[in-house]
Protein backbone atom coordinates (compact mmCIF):
# COMPACT_ATOMS: atom_id res chain seq x y z
CA MET A 1 -32.57 9.49 162.65
CA MET A 2 -31.21 10.44 159.59
CA ASP A 3 -34.48 10.83 156.64
CA SER A 4 -33.58 8.16 154.06
CA MET A 5 -33.82 10.51 151.20
CA ASP A 6 -30.72 12.36 153.02
CA THR A 7 -28.70 8.80 153.54
CA TRP A 8 -26.65 9.96 150.73
CA ILE A 9 -24.86 13.14 152.21
CA PRO A 10 -23.01 11.46 154.71
CA VAL A 11 -21.62 9.21 151.58
CA ALA A 12 -20.86 12.34 149.86
CA TYR A 13 -18.53 13.24 152.47
CA TRP A 14 -17.04 10.37 152.99
CA ALA A 15 -16.05 10.72 149.04
CA LEU A 16 -14.95 13.90 149.38
CA LEU A 17 -12.59 13.36 152.56
CA GLY A 18 -11.51 10.49 150.33
CA PHE A 19 -10.93 12.76 147.34
CA ALA A 20 -9.19 15.42 149.64
CA ALA A 21 -6.67 12.58 150.77
CA LEU A 22 -5.95 11.37 147.32
CA VAL A 23 -4.97 14.86 145.97
CA TYR A 24 -3.05 15.57 149.43
CA ALA A 25 -1.05 12.39 149.11
CA VAL A 26 -0.42 13.38 145.30
CA LEU A 27 0.59 17.10 145.80
CA ASP A 28 2.22 17.08 149.35
CA GLY A 29 3.71 13.29 148.60
CA TYR A 30 5.72 14.22 145.87
CA ASP A 31 7.25 17.34 147.85
CA LEU A 32 7.80 15.33 150.74
CA GLY A 33 9.72 12.79 148.42
CA ILE A 34 11.88 15.25 147.07
CA GLY A 35 12.59 16.27 150.84
CA MET A 36 13.79 13.28 151.64
CA LEU A 37 15.80 12.37 148.51
CA LEU A 38 17.99 15.21 149.14
CA PRO A 39 21.58 14.11 148.03
CA MET A 40 23.41 15.63 151.01
CA GLN A 41 26.95 15.17 149.43
CA ASN A 42 25.83 17.39 146.09
CA LYS A 43 24.51 21.23 147.14
CA THR A 44 23.85 22.06 143.44
CA ASP A 45 21.66 18.74 143.40
CA ARG A 46 19.93 19.87 146.26
CA ASP A 47 19.07 23.31 145.35
CA HIS A 48 17.90 22.55 142.27
CA MET A 49 15.56 19.72 143.75
CA VAL A 50 14.21 22.45 146.39
CA ALA A 51 13.85 25.12 143.72
CA SER A 52 11.42 22.04 141.71
CA ILE A 53 8.87 22.47 144.88
CA GLY A 54 9.79 25.99 145.81
CA PRO A 55 6.24 27.21 143.99
CA PHE A 56 4.18 24.58 145.03
CA TRP A 57 4.78 22.79 148.50
CA ASP A 58 3.50 25.08 151.16
CA ALA A 59 -0.08 25.60 148.80
CA ASN A 60 0.08 21.63 148.73
CA GLU A 61 -0.80 21.19 152.50
CA THR A 62 -3.79 23.46 152.09
CA TRP A 63 -5.61 19.63 151.32
CA LEU A 64 -4.18 18.62 154.89
CA VAL A 65 -6.33 21.30 156.31
CA LEU A 66 -9.31 20.53 154.48
CA ILE A 67 -9.49 16.62 155.43
CA VAL A 68 -9.42 17.93 158.90
CA GLY A 69 -12.03 20.39 158.32
CA LEU A 70 -14.37 17.68 156.39
CA LEU A 71 -13.92 15.50 159.21
CA LEU A 72 -14.51 17.85 162.07
CA ILE A 73 -17.96 19.36 160.02
CA ALA A 74 -19.28 15.84 158.92
CA PHE A 75 -18.14 13.37 161.43
CA PRO A 76 -17.41 15.37 164.60
CA GLN A 77 -17.69 12.22 166.75
CA ALA A 78 -15.31 10.24 164.33
CA HIS A 79 -12.82 13.37 164.40
CA SER A 80 -12.81 12.83 168.42
CA VAL A 81 -12.13 9.23 168.16
CA ILE A 82 -9.34 9.43 165.29
CA LEU A 83 -7.83 12.52 167.13
CA PHE A 84 -7.57 10.87 170.41
CA HIS A 85 -5.78 7.74 169.08
CA LEU A 86 -3.41 9.79 167.10
CA TYR A 87 -2.67 12.43 169.20
CA LEU A 88 1.02 11.60 169.57
CA PRO A 89 1.71 10.82 165.81
CA ILE A 90 -0.05 13.80 164.90
CA PHE A 91 2.20 15.83 166.95
CA VAL A 92 5.00 14.24 165.55
CA MET A 93 3.77 14.98 161.90
CA LEU A 94 3.73 18.78 163.32
CA VAL A 95 7.37 18.97 164.39
CA GLY A 96 8.35 17.16 160.87
CA LEU A 97 5.97 20.24 159.20
CA ILE A 98 7.45 23.07 161.00
CA MET A 99 11.21 21.67 160.65
CA ARG A 100 10.58 21.79 156.83
CA GLY A 101 9.08 25.30 156.93
CA MET A 102 11.64 26.50 159.00
CA ALA A 103 14.20 25.06 157.01
CA PHE A 104 13.08 26.14 153.63
CA ASP A 105 13.54 29.81 154.58
CA PHE A 106 16.55 29.46 156.60
CA ARG A 107 18.49 27.17 154.14
CA VAL A 108 19.43 30.30 152.17
CA LYS A 109 19.03 33.02 154.67
CA ALA A 110 21.73 31.15 157.35
CA ALA A 111 25.46 31.78 156.95
CA PRO A 112 27.13 29.32 154.61
CA HIS A 113 28.61 27.17 157.06
CA HIS A 114 25.18 26.50 158.57
CA ARG A 115 23.09 26.00 155.27
CA LEU A 116 24.02 22.03 155.43
CA TYR A 117 22.23 21.86 158.94
CA TRP A 118 19.16 23.02 157.50
CA ASP A 119 19.37 20.87 154.61
CA TYR A 120 19.45 18.23 156.96
CA ALA A 121 16.32 19.57 158.74
CA PHE A 122 14.67 19.75 155.79
CA LYS A 123 15.36 16.29 154.85
CA PHE A 124 14.77 14.87 158.20
CA GLY A 125 11.54 17.20 158.68
CA SER A 126 10.13 15.34 155.44
CA ALA A 127 10.78 11.85 156.77
CA ILE A 128 9.37 12.55 160.08
CA THR A 129 6.47 14.06 158.38
CA ALA A 130 6.07 11.01 155.85
CA LEU A 131 6.89 8.40 158.67
CA SER A 132 3.98 9.66 160.89
CA GLN A 133 1.49 9.58 158.19
CA GLY A 134 2.02 6.26 157.27
CA TYR A 135 1.84 4.70 160.83
CA MET A 136 -1.21 6.79 161.37
CA LEU A 137 -2.85 5.47 158.27
CA GLY A 138 -2.18 2.12 159.62
CA ARG A 139 -3.29 2.76 162.74
CA TYR A 140 -6.65 3.79 161.31
CA VAL A 141 -7.05 1.09 159.44
CA THR A 142 -6.77 -1.21 161.92
CA GLY A 143 -9.41 0.19 163.81
CA PHE A 144 -6.93 1.43 166.26
CA ASP A 145 -6.35 -1.89 167.27
CA THR A 146 -4.02 -2.27 170.25
CA SER A 147 -2.34 -6.03 169.47
CA LEU A 148 1.40 -6.40 168.83
CA GLY A 149 0.20 -7.23 164.95
CA ALA A 150 -1.54 -3.99 164.53
CA TYR A 151 1.42 -1.96 165.77
CA LEU A 152 3.35 -4.18 163.09
CA PHE A 153 1.33 -3.43 160.39
CA ALA A 154 1.18 0.63 161.46
CA ALA A 155 4.97 0.15 161.44
CA LEU A 156 4.76 -1.29 157.40
CA SER A 157 2.22 1.00 156.57
CA ALA A 158 5.11 3.74 157.47
CA TYR A 159 7.62 2.26 155.25
CA GLY A 160 4.74 1.87 152.43
CA VAL A 161 3.85 5.58 152.90
CA THR A 162 7.38 7.10 152.67
CA THR A 163 8.34 4.91 149.62
CA ALA A 164 5.22 5.67 147.73
CA TYR A 165 5.93 9.78 148.70
CA CYS A 166 9.65 9.32 147.55
CA PHE A 167 8.50 7.24 144.45
CA ILE A 168 6.17 10.04 143.07
CA GLY A 169 8.87 12.64 144.08
CA SER A 170 11.21 11.06 142.11
CA ALA A 171 8.30 11.02 139.25
CA TRP A 172 8.12 14.84 139.62
CA LEU A 173 11.86 15.11 139.57
CA ILE A 174 11.88 13.61 136.48
CA ILE A 175 9.85 16.37 134.54
CA LYS A 176 11.62 19.19 136.37
CA ALA A 177 15.26 18.21 136.56
CA GLU A 178 17.32 17.92 133.45
CA ALA A 179 20.95 15.98 132.48
CA SER A 180 22.70 13.97 135.20
CA LEU A 181 19.95 15.07 138.14
CA GLN A 182 16.95 13.67 135.49
CA GLN A 183 18.91 10.52 135.30
CA ARG A 184 19.63 10.10 138.83
CA ALA A 185 15.95 10.31 139.44
CA VAL A 186 15.45 7.72 136.74
CA ARG A 187 17.40 5.17 138.78
CA TRP A 188 15.79 6.43 142.00
CA MET A 189 12.61 5.39 140.43
CA ARG A 190 14.01 1.90 139.65
CA VAL A 191 14.67 1.09 142.83
CA LEU A 192 11.64 2.36 144.45
CA THR A 193 9.03 0.67 141.99
CA LYS A 194 10.66 -2.69 143.23
CA ALA A 195 10.41 -1.44 146.86
CA LEU A 196 7.01 -0.39 146.74
CA PHE A 197 5.91 -3.15 145.15
CA GLY A 198 7.35 -5.72 147.87
CA GLY A 199 5.99 -3.76 150.64
CA LEU A 200 2.26 -3.70 148.94
CA VAL A 201 2.28 -7.41 148.67
CA LEU A 202 3.40 -7.72 152.45
CA ILE A 203 0.57 -5.09 153.30
CA GLY A 204 -2.20 -7.06 150.94
CA LEU A 205 -1.15 -10.27 152.86
CA LEU A 206 -1.22 -8.93 156.35
CA SER A 207 -4.47 -7.50 155.64
CA LEU A 208 -6.04 -10.13 154.01
CA ASN A 209 -4.78 -12.75 156.73
CA ALA A 210 -4.35 -11.24 159.93
CA TYR A 211 -6.95 -8.54 159.79
CA PRO A 212 -10.07 -10.01 158.71
CA ASP A 213 -12.26 -7.99 161.18
CA VAL A 214 -11.15 -4.83 159.71
CA LEU A 215 -11.48 -6.17 156.30
CA HIS A 216 -14.76 -6.95 156.99
CA THR A 217 -16.07 -7.50 152.77
CA ALA A 218 -12.91 -9.91 152.34
CA ASP A 219 -15.24 -12.82 152.55
CA ASN A 220 -17.55 -11.48 149.96
CA ALA A 221 -16.45 -12.91 146.65
CA GLN A 222 -17.49 -9.99 144.55
CA GLN A 223 -15.29 -7.57 147.56
CA THR A 224 -12.45 -9.74 146.88
CA GLY A 225 -12.35 -9.94 143.47
CA LEU A 226 -12.50 -6.25 143.03
CA LEU A 227 -9.00 -6.27 145.03
CA PHE A 228 -7.66 -8.70 142.87
CA VAL A 229 -8.51 -6.62 139.86
CA LEU A 230 -7.03 -3.09 141.64
CA LEU A 231 -3.92 -5.35 142.43
CA GLY A 232 -3.44 -6.44 138.54
CA LEU A 233 -4.22 -2.80 137.25
CA SER A 234 -1.20 -1.80 139.78
CA ALA A 235 0.83 -4.32 138.37
CA ALA A 236 0.16 -3.56 134.90
CA LEU A 237 1.01 -0.05 135.77
CA MET A 238 4.06 -0.32 137.67
CA TRP A 239 5.27 -2.81 134.36
CA ALA A 240 4.20 0.09 131.74
CA LEU A 241 6.38 2.28 134.39
CA ALA A 242 9.41 0.25 133.91
CA ARG A 243 9.12 0.13 129.98
CA GLN A 244 8.96 3.62 130.11
CA LEU A 245 11.99 4.37 132.56
CA ASN A 246 13.72 2.78 129.69
CA VAL A 247 12.44 4.96 127.47
CA ILE A 248 13.74 7.94 129.08
CA GLN A 249 16.94 6.73 130.20
CA TYR A 250 18.23 6.75 126.51
CA ASN A 251 15.96 9.44 125.39
CA PRO A 252 15.52 11.88 128.22
CA GLN A 253 13.27 14.56 126.27
CA CYS A 254 10.69 11.56 125.62
CA GLN A 255 7.34 11.68 127.51
CA GLN A 256 8.77 12.75 130.67
CA THR A 257 5.30 13.18 132.69
CA ARG A 258 4.55 9.74 131.77
CA PRO A 259 6.31 8.36 135.11
CA PHE A 260 4.26 10.96 137.04
CA VAL A 261 0.92 10.34 135.29
CA ILE A 262 1.60 6.59 135.98
CA ALA A 263 2.28 7.12 139.79
CA ILE A 264 -1.14 9.13 140.06
CA GLY A 265 -2.95 6.23 138.80
CA LEU A 266 -1.29 3.66 141.10
CA PHE A 267 -2.04 6.12 143.87
CA ALA A 268 -5.69 6.39 142.78
CA LEU A 269 -5.74 2.59 142.65
CA TRP A 270 -4.66 1.83 146.23
CA PHE A 271 -7.02 4.67 147.44
CA ALA A 272 -9.57 2.87 145.42
CA ALA A 273 -8.74 -0.42 147.53
CA LEU A 274 -8.51 1.16 150.83
CA ALA A 275 -11.99 2.65 150.29
CA SER A 276 -13.39 -0.40 149.40
CA VAL A 277 -12.03 -2.08 152.14
CA VAL A 278 -13.23 0.56 154.57
CA PHE A 279 -16.69 1.95 153.50
CA PRO A 280 -19.48 2.07 154.91
CA TYR A 281 -17.31 2.99 157.91
CA ILE A 282 -15.39 6.27 158.83
CA VAL A 283 -13.71 4.50 161.76
CA PRO A 284 -13.05 0.88 160.67
CA GLY A 285 -15.02 -1.53 162.50
CA GLN A 286 -16.22 1.18 164.89
CA MET A 287 -18.55 3.65 163.25
CA THR A 288 -20.49 3.69 160.06
CA VAL A 289 -20.87 7.24 158.23
CA TRP A 290 -24.55 7.15 158.72
CA ALA A 291 -24.41 6.61 162.77
CA VAL A 292 -22.04 9.76 163.60
CA ALA A 293 -22.76 12.02 160.73
CA SER A 294 -23.90 15.50 161.66
CA ALA A 295 -27.39 16.62 160.88
CA SER A 296 -28.89 16.62 157.53
CA GLU A 297 -29.64 20.21 157.67
CA SER A 298 -26.18 21.07 158.68
CA LEU A 299 -24.52 18.76 156.12
CA TRP A 300 -26.85 20.09 153.38
CA PHE A 301 -25.90 23.64 154.30
CA LEU A 302 -22.29 22.81 154.54
CA LEU A 303 -21.93 20.85 151.45
CA ILE A 304 -23.35 24.11 149.45
CA GLY A 305 -19.99 25.93 150.75
CA ALA A 306 -17.81 22.81 149.95
CA MET A 307 -18.95 22.73 146.64
CA VAL A 308 -17.53 26.37 146.02
CA VAL A 309 -14.22 26.09 148.37
CA ILE A 310 -13.23 22.61 146.83
CA PRO A 311 -13.49 24.07 143.06
CA ALA A 312 -12.03 27.16 143.80
CA ILE A 313 -8.99 25.26 145.54
CA LEU A 314 -8.63 23.14 142.53
CA GLY A 315 -8.48 26.46 140.34
CA TYR A 316 -5.64 28.37 142.07
CA THR A 317 -3.67 25.12 142.36
CA GLY A 318 -4.23 24.69 138.82
CA PHE A 319 -3.41 28.18 138.04
CA VAL A 320 -0.19 27.82 139.74
CA TYR A 321 0.87 24.59 138.39
CA TRP A 322 0.31 26.14 135.19
CA THR A 323 2.25 28.97 135.72
CA PHE A 324 5.50 27.31 137.04
CA ARG A 325 5.22 24.40 134.59
CA GLY A 326 8.17 23.35 132.49
CA LYS A 327 11.75 22.85 133.79
CA LEU A 328 12.87 24.22 136.88
CA SER A 329 14.43 27.77 137.58
CA GLU A 330 16.93 28.93 140.05
CA LEU A 331 15.09 29.55 143.41
CA SER A 332 15.53 32.99 144.66
CA TYR A 333 14.61 35.11 148.07
CA GLU A 334 15.72 38.48 147.22
């Protein structure tokens, strides 16, 4: 049994997992969103949109690898259970990631009459990846319940995550694009904000009413109050976003980064709501962080490595984004 002085270490790993998942959702989320938003009728805009994520998209997936590594190291039993239930959607996600990787390179290497097919592969690969991740999140939150309602919840979660990725992708495009493409991104974000809000309301209602076993703290007044506070803050940020999009529509050079910053704030609020519901479980309703954590000696040793690796990843990520800041430029493979 874990010593009482070391009970916080599994919680620290749980928090690191949550942080890595949030960073992944923001960084890989916007480039998946860009892929899904590609306008297949306009080659110039497609080229510009792919160029906007060219220096970043591959490195963004580092966080996905980190999530799997942290889960395996800190909670190996939970890692086995999660993979057992999610083998098929993980396989589908990997197919989507492979499609994206191949299409990104081949879209400019292929013969001109084949390039559109690779753009379709990039678009569909992005959609497959986003949908599978959303489905996996829904299955995880419901504790891998096998009822019809749980599968419907997972399908709604797939819709929500896919919409959220397109939402933050359009925010990224507002920063990187100019002229008509930027204005198109503003219109996309308006529509996606409404779609996302509707999806979140449905998910919230289903969570509070259909899954009381998963939302084990929903009966606690303090916990319920926290969820309503987070929902209220989300609504306030969406209102602020709508006002900012109005400003950018009439003055494209004004505070173009604000929609993306607001989108990050919304993602953080949604992750906070999810964390408040799931904690202290690592597999909702089945395994707590203390019950399935690795030996405290191992966690202490590996925590030192994590405190070196994670700042290093943050450092080179920040360096890349600083180096390629500003408006997009032509993407070249020469």
